[in-house]
Amino acid sequence: MKDIQEKRLENEIKVVTESKSDIKRVVKKISKEEYQIDITIPTTLTKNALDIELRMLIQKNYPFNPPKLFFITKFIFPHLADCRDVI
């Protein structure tokens, strides 16, 4: 039987993947306790020359620990710090 945290995590993943937009999402269950979401934001939404790809790792203890976010595509955007952290 699934525990409460695992059910909550699955519900959060469902909300992310079912939202309607041009953003592409691919969800992978890495383990019982961790999901990986690969996200592609098309140029039509970013006004950038490239599609922006990022990876989000969500662990079982979410929302008590925030998801980890990694930018796969290198780009320059004013709302990012030098170390690529989202502000």
N, C-alpha and C. Protein backbone atom coordinates (compact mmCIF):
# COMPACT_ATOMS: atom_id res chain seq x y z
N MET A 1 0.84 -1.19 0.00
CA MET A 1 0.00 0.00 0.00
C MET A 1 0.88 1.25 0.00
N LYS A 2 0.50 2.20 -0.81
CA LYS A 2 1.28 3.43 -0.91
C LYS A 2 1.08 4.29 0.33
N ASP A 3 2.18 4.92 0.74
CA ASP A 3 2.05 5.82 1.88
C ASP A 3 1.57 7.19 1.41
N ILE A 4 1.26 8.05 2.34
CA ILE A 4 0.66 9.35 2.04
C ILE A 4 1.61 10.21 1.20
N GLN A 5 2.91 10.21 1.53
CA GLN A 5 3.86 11.02 0.77
C GLN A 5 3.96 10.57 -0.67
N GLU A 6 3.96 9.27 -0.89
CA GLU A 6 4.05 8.76 -2.26
C GLU A 6 2.81 9.14 -3.07
N LYS A 7 1.64 9.07 -2.47
CA LYS A 7 0.41 9.47 -3.15
C LYS A 7 0.42 10.96 -3.48
N ARG A 8 0.89 11.76 -2.52
CA ARG A 8 0.94 13.19 -2.75
C ARG A 8 1.89 13.52 -3.90
N LEU A 9 3.04 12.88 -3.91
CA LEU A 9 4.01 13.10 -4.98
C LEU A 9 3.40 12.74 -6.33
N GLU A 10 2.73 11.63 -6.43
CA GLU A 10 2.08 11.24 -7.68
C GLU A 10 1.02 12.25 -8.11
N ASN A 11 0.27 12.79 -7.15
CA ASN A 11 -0.72 13.81 -7.48
C ASN A 11 -0.07 15.09 -8.00
N GLU A 12 1.04 15.50 -7.38
CA GLU A 12 1.76 16.69 -7.83
C GLU A 12 2.29 16.49 -9.26
N ILE A 13 2.83 15.32 -9.53
CA ILE A 13 3.33 15.01 -10.87
C ILE A 13 2.19 15.05 -11.88
N LYS A 14 1.04 14.54 -11.50
CA LYS A 14 -0.13 14.54 -12.38
C LYS A 14 -0.55 15.97 -12.73
N VAL A 15 -0.53 16.87 -11.76
CA VAL A 15 -0.89 18.26 -12.00
C VAL A 15 0.08 18.90 -12.99
N VAL A 16 1.36 18.65 -12.81
CA VAL A 16 2.37 19.22 -13.71
C VAL A 16 2.20 18.70 -15.13
N THR A 17 1.96 17.42 -15.28
CA THR A 17 1.91 16.84 -16.62
C THR A 17 0.60 17.09 -17.35
N GLU A 18 -0.46 17.37 -16.62
CA GLU A 18 -1.76 17.57 -17.27
C GLU A 18 -2.09 19.03 -17.55
N SER A 19 -1.26 19.96 -17.13
CA SER A 19 -1.55 21.36 -17.41
C SER A 19 -1.44 21.61 -18.92
N LYS A 20 -2.32 22.45 -19.42
CA LYS A 20 -2.39 22.67 -20.87
C LYS A 20 -1.52 23.86 -21.26
N SER A 21 -0.55 23.61 -22.08
CA SER A 21 0.30 24.66 -22.64
C SER A 21 1.17 24.04 -23.73
N ASP A 22 2.00 24.87 -24.35
CA ASP A 22 2.91 24.39 -25.38
C ASP A 22 4.17 23.77 -24.80
N ILE A 23 4.30 23.81 -23.50
CA ILE A 23 5.50 23.27 -22.84
C ILE A 23 5.42 21.74 -22.86
N LYS A 24 6.51 21.12 -23.32
CA LYS A 24 6.57 19.66 -23.39
C LYS A 24 7.16 19.12 -22.09
N ARG A 25 6.58 18.04 -21.57
CA ARG A 25 7.05 17.44 -20.34
C ARG A 25 7.17 15.94 -20.51
N VAL A 26 8.26 15.39 -20.01
CA VAL A 26 8.45 13.95 -20.01
C VAL A 26 8.78 13.55 -18.57
N VAL A 27 7.94 12.70 -18.01
CA VAL A 27 8.12 12.29 -16.61
C VAL A 27 8.72 10.89 -16.57
N LYS A 28 9.73 10.74 -15.74
CA LYS A 28 10.36 9.43 -15.53
C LYS A 28 10.38 9.16 -14.03
N LYS A 29 9.96 7.98 -13.67
CA LYS A 29 10.05 7.58 -12.27
C LYS A 29 11.40 6.92 -12.08
N ILE A 30 12.30 7.61 -11.40
CA ILE A 30 13.66 7.11 -11.21
C ILE A 30 13.68 6.01 -10.17
N SER A 31 12.95 6.23 -9.11
CA SER A 31 12.85 5.23 -8.04
C SER A 31 11.51 5.45 -7.35
N LYS A 32 11.27 4.68 -6.33
CA LYS A 32 10.02 4.83 -5.57
C LYS A 32 9.95 6.21 -4.91
N GLU A 33 11.10 6.81 -4.70
CA GLU A 33 11.17 8.07 -3.96
C GLU A 33 11.54 9.28 -4.79
N GLU A 34 11.73 9.12 -6.09
CA GLU A 34 12.19 10.25 -6.89
C GLU A 34 11.64 10.20 -8.32
N TYR A 35 11.21 11.37 -8.80
CA TYR A 35 10.76 11.53 -10.18
C TYR A 35 11.66 12.53 -10.88
N GLN A 36 11.83 12.34 -12.17
CA GLN A 36 12.56 13.28 -13.01
C GLN A 36 11.59 13.78 -14.06
N ILE A 37 11.52 15.09 -14.21
CA ILE A 37 10.67 15.69 -15.24
C ILE A 37 11.56 16.49 -16.18
N ASP A 38 11.59 16.10 -17.44
CA ASP A 38 12.33 16.84 -18.46
C ASP A 38 11.34 17.80 -19.12
N ILE A 39 11.67 19.07 -19.12
CA ILE A 39 10.77 20.11 -19.60
C ILE A 39 11.43 20.84 -20.76
N THR A 40 10.66 21.06 -21.83
CA THR A 40 11.15 21.83 -22.97
C THR A 40 10.20 23.00 -23.19
N ILE A 41 10.74 24.21 -23.10
CA ILE A 41 9.95 25.42 -23.32
C ILE A 41 10.28 25.91 -24.73
N PRO A 42 9.30 25.96 -25.63
CA PRO A 42 9.58 26.32 -27.02
C PRO A 42 9.91 27.81 -27.19
N THR A 43 10.57 28.10 -28.27
CA THR A 43 10.98 29.49 -28.56
C THR A 43 9.79 30.43 -28.64
N THR A 44 8.62 29.93 -28.99
CA THR A 44 7.44 30.79 -29.09
C THR A 44 7.04 31.38 -27.74
N LEU A 45 7.40 30.72 -26.66
CA LEU A 45 7.06 31.22 -25.33
C LEU A 45 8.19 32.03 -24.70
N THR A 46 9.42 31.83 -25.14
CA THR A 46 10.55 32.49 -24.50
C THR A 46 11.10 33.68 -25.26
N LYS A 47 10.73 33.82 -26.51
CA LYS A 47 11.28 34.87 -27.38
C LYS A 47 12.80 34.75 -27.44
N ASN A 48 13.28 33.54 -27.34
CA ASN A 48 14.70 33.25 -27.38
C ASN A 48 14.99 32.51 -28.68
N ALA A 49 16.24 32.41 -29.07
CA ALA A 49 16.59 31.73 -30.31
C ALA A 49 16.57 30.21 -30.16
N LEU A 50 16.53 29.73 -28.94
CA LEU A 50 16.59 28.29 -28.68
C LEU A 50 15.41 27.83 -27.84
N ASP A 51 15.04 26.56 -28.00
CA ASP A 51 14.14 25.96 -27.03
C ASP A 51 14.94 25.81 -25.73
N ILE A 52 14.30 26.06 -24.61
CA ILE A 52 14.99 25.94 -23.32
C ILE A 52 14.61 24.60 -22.70
N GLU A 53 15.62 23.82 -22.39
CA GLU A 53 15.40 22.51 -21.78
C GLU A 53 15.88 22.56 -20.33
N LEU A 54 15.07 22.02 -19.44
CA LEU A 54 15.47 21.91 -18.05
C LEU A 54 15.02 20.59 -17.47
N ARG A 55 15.62 20.24 -16.37
CA ARG A 55 15.31 18.98 -15.70
C ARG A 55 14.98 19.29 -14.25
N MET A 56 13.88 18.71 -13.79
CA MET A 56 13.44 18.88 -12.41
C MET A 56 13.45 17.52 -11.72
N LEU A 57 14.05 17.47 -10.54
CA LEU A 57 14.03 16.26 -9.74
C LEU A 57 13.18 16.53 -8.50
N ILE A 58 12.15 15.72 -8.34
CA ILE A 58 11.25 15.86 -7.20
C ILE A 58 11.37 14.60 -6.36
N GLN A 59 11.66 14.79 -5.08
CA GLN A 59 11.84 13.65 -4.20
C GLN A 59 10.62 13.43 -3.32
N LYS A 60 10.59 12.29 -2.69
CA LYS A 60 9.45 11.86 -1.90
C LYS A 60 9.09 12.87 -0.80
N ASN A 61 10.06 13.54 -0.23
CA ASN A 61 9.79 14.45 0.87
C ASN A 61 9.33 15.85 0.42
N TYR A 62 8.99 16.00 -0.86
CA TYR A 62 8.39 17.23 -1.37
C TYR A 62 7.03 17.41 -0.70
N PRO A 63 6.62 18.54 -0.27
CA PRO A 63 7.14 19.89 -0.42
C PRO A 63 8.07 20.35 0.70
N PHE A 64 8.43 19.46 1.61
CA PHE A 64 9.29 19.86 2.71
C PHE A 64 10.70 20.17 2.25
N ASN A 65 11.14 19.54 1.19
CA ASN A 65 12.38 19.88 0.50
C ASN A 65 12.02 20.27 -0.92
N PRO A 66 12.54 21.39 -1.41
CA PRO A 66 12.15 21.85 -2.74
C PRO A 66 12.71 20.94 -3.84
N PRO A 67 12.08 20.97 -5.01
CA PRO A 67 12.62 20.20 -6.14
C PRO A 67 13.95 20.81 -6.58
N LYS A 68 14.77 20.00 -7.22
CA LYS A 68 16.04 20.48 -7.78
C LYS A 68 15.78 20.76 -9.26
N LEU A 69 16.28 21.90 -9.71
CA LEU A 69 16.05 22.33 -11.09
C LEU A 69 17.39 22.57 -11.76
N PHE A 70 17.58 21.95 -12.93
CA PHE A 70 18.82 22.08 -13.69
C PHE A 70 18.49 22.56 -15.09
N PHE A 71 19.20 23.59 -15.55
CA PHE A 71 19.03 24.04 -16.93
C PHE A 71 19.97 23.24 -17.81
N ILE A 72 19.43 22.57 -18.80
CA ILE A 72 20.21 21.80 -19.74
C ILE A 72 20.72 22.72 -20.86
N THR A 73 19.85 23.61 -21.31
CA THR A 73 20.21 24.57 -22.35
C THR A 73 20.92 25.76 -21.72
N LYS A 74 22.06 26.13 -22.27
CA LYS A 74 22.77 27.32 -21.80
C LYS A 74 22.22 28.53 -22.54
N PHE A 75 21.87 29.56 -21.78
CA PHE A 75 21.32 30.77 -22.36
C PHE A 75 21.54 31.91 -21.38
N ILE A 76 21.28 33.13 -21.84
CA ILE A 76 21.41 34.31 -20.98
C ILE A 76 20.01 34.88 -20.77
N PHE A 77 19.67 35.07 -19.52
CA PHE A 77 18.36 35.62 -19.17
C PHE A 77 18.55 36.45 -17.91
N PRO A 78 18.04 37.66 -17.82
CA PRO A 78 18.35 38.54 -16.69
C PRO A 78 17.90 38.03 -15.32
N HIS A 79 16.94 37.13 -15.25
CA HIS A 79 16.45 36.68 -13.96
C HIS A 79 17.19 35.46 -13.43
N LEU A 80 18.35 35.16 -14.00
CA LEU A 80 19.18 34.07 -13.51
C LEU A 80 20.47 34.63 -12.95
N ALA A 81 20.89 34.09 -11.83
CA ALA A 81 22.16 34.52 -11.24
C ALA A 81 23.31 33.88 -12.01
N ASP A 82 24.52 34.31 -11.72
CA ASP A 82 25.70 33.78 -12.42
C ASP A 82 25.84 32.27 -12.25
N CYS A 83 25.41 31.73 -11.13
CA CYS A 83 25.56 30.29 -10.91
C CYS A 83 24.34 29.52 -11.38
N ARG A 84 23.52 30.12 -12.23
CA ARG A 84 22.36 29.49 -12.88
C ARG A 84 21.22 29.20 -11.92
N ASP A 85 21.17 29.84 -10.79
CA ASP A 85 20.04 29.65 -9.88
C ASP A 85 18.87 30.50 -10.34
N VAL A 86 17.67 29.99 -10.19
CA VAL A 86 16.47 30.75 -10.54
C VAL A 86 16.20 31.73 -9.41
N ILE A 87 15.99 32.99 -9.76
CA ILE A 87 15.73 34.02 -8.75
C ILE A 87 14.24 34.19 -8.59
